[in-house]
Amino acid sequence: MRRRGILVAVLLLAMVCTTAALTWPWDPLERARRRVPLGADESAVVAAVDREPDGGLGEADRDGEFRRHALYWQDGDDYLFVAFDADGRADRAEVKRSRTFPERVREWWPW
């Protein structure tokens, strides 16, 4: 009975560690995306990401006024985009990757 309890405890610990390792945001852009406060202004978003943006994109109307704009941060071939609405509040944050998940796993795989 004691062996069974130890085995169950070890298996439970292994499951918890595996789940934590699989759900932890290892990617710096993903960690930054999780910190972006939706509904915040541009300065609060830059402070949350903790570095200045690498660039910005805008969408103007016929009068030349910006209706929407986005800031982006680059890490290698991947980008973090934060889109702002017409009031200047963050309404979307997403990470765009140039490689698919299987390609990233193959790069990480030791053989």
Protein backbone atom coordinates (compact mmCIF):
# COMPACT_ATOMS: atom_id res chain seq x y z
CA MET A 1 0.00 0.00 0.00
CA ARG A 2 2.83 2.41 0.79
CA ARG A 3 4.47 1.75 -2.60
CA ARG A 4 1.23 2.50 -4.37
CA GLY A 5 0.92 5.82 -2.54
CA ILE A 6 4.47 6.81 -3.47
CA LEU A 7 3.88 5.80 -7.10
CA VAL A 8 0.66 7.81 -7.26
CA ALA A 9 2.40 10.85 -5.74
CA VAL A 10 5.29 10.63 -8.23
CA LEU A 11 2.89 10.26 -11.19
CA LEU A 12 0.79 13.16 -9.97
CA LEU A 13 3.88 15.34 -9.60
CA ALA A 14 5.04 14.36 -13.09
CA MET A 15 1.64 15.29 -14.54
CA VAL A 16 1.65 18.67 -12.81
CA CYS A 17 5.19 19.44 -14.00
CA THR A 18 4.39 18.39 -17.57
CA THR A 19 1.25 20.52 -17.64
CA ALA A 20 3.15 23.51 -16.28
CA ALA A 21 5.94 23.08 -18.84
CA LEU A 22 3.48 22.82 -21.74
CA THR A 23 1.40 25.83 -20.76
CA TRP A 24 4.22 28.17 -19.67
CA PRO A 25 4.74 30.99 -22.19
CA TRP A 26 8.40 30.38 -23.11
CA ASP A 27 8.25 32.77 -26.03
CA PRO A 28 9.08 36.40 -25.09
CA LEU A 29 6.47 37.78 -27.51
CA GLU A 30 3.78 35.56 -26.04
CA ARG A 31 4.72 36.69 -22.53
CA ALA A 32 4.49 40.30 -23.68
CA ARG A 33 1.11 39.66 -25.37
CA ARG A 34 -0.30 38.33 -22.12
CA ARG A 35 0.76 41.52 -20.34
CA VAL A 36 -0.92 43.88 -22.84
CA PRO A 37 -3.90 45.56 -21.11
CA LEU A 38 -6.77 45.68 -23.59
CA GLY A 39 -8.56 49.01 -23.39
CA ALA A 40 -5.40 50.85 -22.37
CA ASP A 41 -3.78 53.70 -24.25
CA GLU A 42 -0.56 53.48 -26.26
CA SER A 43 1.78 54.53 -23.43
CA ALA A 44 0.37 51.89 -21.07
CA VAL A 45 0.82 49.20 -23.74
CA VAL A 46 4.44 50.23 -24.39
CA ALA A 47 5.09 50.15 -20.63
CA ALA A 48 3.52 46.68 -20.35
CA VAL A 49 5.61 45.28 -23.21
CA ASP A 50 8.63 46.88 -21.54
CA ARG A 51 10.35 48.13 -24.69
CA GLU A 52 9.72 50.64 -27.43
CA PRO A 53 7.87 49.34 -30.52
CA ASP A 54 9.88 48.47 -33.59
CA GLY A 55 7.35 50.20 -35.82
CA GLY A 56 3.77 51.08 -36.49
CA LEU A 57 1.08 50.73 -39.12
CA GLY A 58 -1.89 52.98 -39.77
CA GLU A 59 -5.14 53.11 -41.66
CA ALA A 60 -6.26 56.57 -42.75
CA ASP A 61 -9.60 57.79 -44.05
CA ARG A 62 -10.06 60.05 -47.09
CA ASP A 63 -9.24 63.18 -45.11
CA GLY A 64 -5.89 61.78 -44.04
CA GLU A 65 -6.96 61.24 -40.42
CA PHE A 66 -5.94 57.98 -38.83
CA ARG A 67 -8.91 55.82 -37.94
CA ARG A 68 -6.95 52.90 -36.57
CA HIS A 69 -3.33 52.13 -36.02
CA ALA A 70 -1.18 49.30 -34.73
CA LEU A 71 2.22 49.00 -33.13
CA TYR A 72 4.48 46.01 -33.62
CA TRP A 73 7.45 44.44 -31.89
CA GLN A 74 9.74 42.01 -33.69
CA ASP A 75 11.64 39.06 -32.27
CA GLY A 76 13.51 37.18 -34.98
CA ASP A 77 10.96 36.34 -37.68
CA ASP A 78 7.97 36.68 -35.34
CA TYR A 79 5.90 39.77 -34.55
CA LEU A 80 3.65 41.03 -31.77
CA PHE A 81 0.92 43.30 -33.15
CA VAL A 82 -1.23 45.50 -30.91
CA ALA A 83 -4.14 47.19 -32.70
CA PHE A 84 -5.76 50.36 -31.41
CA ASP A 85 -9.30 51.58 -32.10
CA ALA A 86 -10.31 55.08 -33.22
CA ASP A 87 -10.20 56.29 -29.59
CA GLY A 88 -6.57 55.16 -29.22
CA ARG A 89 -7.37 52.20 -26.95
CA ALA A 90 -5.83 48.76 -27.46
CA ASP A 91 -8.48 46.39 -28.75
CA ARG A 92 -6.44 43.43 -30.01
CA ALA A 93 -3.04 41.89 -29.38
CA GLU A 94 -1.71 38.89 -31.28
CA VAL A 95 1.53 37.17 -32.13
CA LYS A 96 2.18 36.36 -35.79
CA ARG A 97 4.69 33.63 -36.51
CA SER A 98 6.54 32.97 -39.72
CA ARG A 99 7.03 29.28 -38.87
CA THR A 100 4.35 26.75 -38.04
CA PHE A 101 4.31 24.82 -34.78
CA PRO A 102 5.69 21.58 -36.36
CA GLU A 103 8.56 23.55 -37.94
CA ARG A 104 9.44 25.08 -34.56
CA VAL A 105 9.36 21.61 -32.93
CA ARG A 106 11.69 20.26 -35.63
CA GLU A 107 14.14 23.11 -34.98
CA TRP A 108 14.08 22.34 -31.26
CA TRP A 109 14.31 18.55 -31.68
CA PRO A 110 17.87 17.35 -30.91
CA TRP A 111 18.17 15.02 -33.92
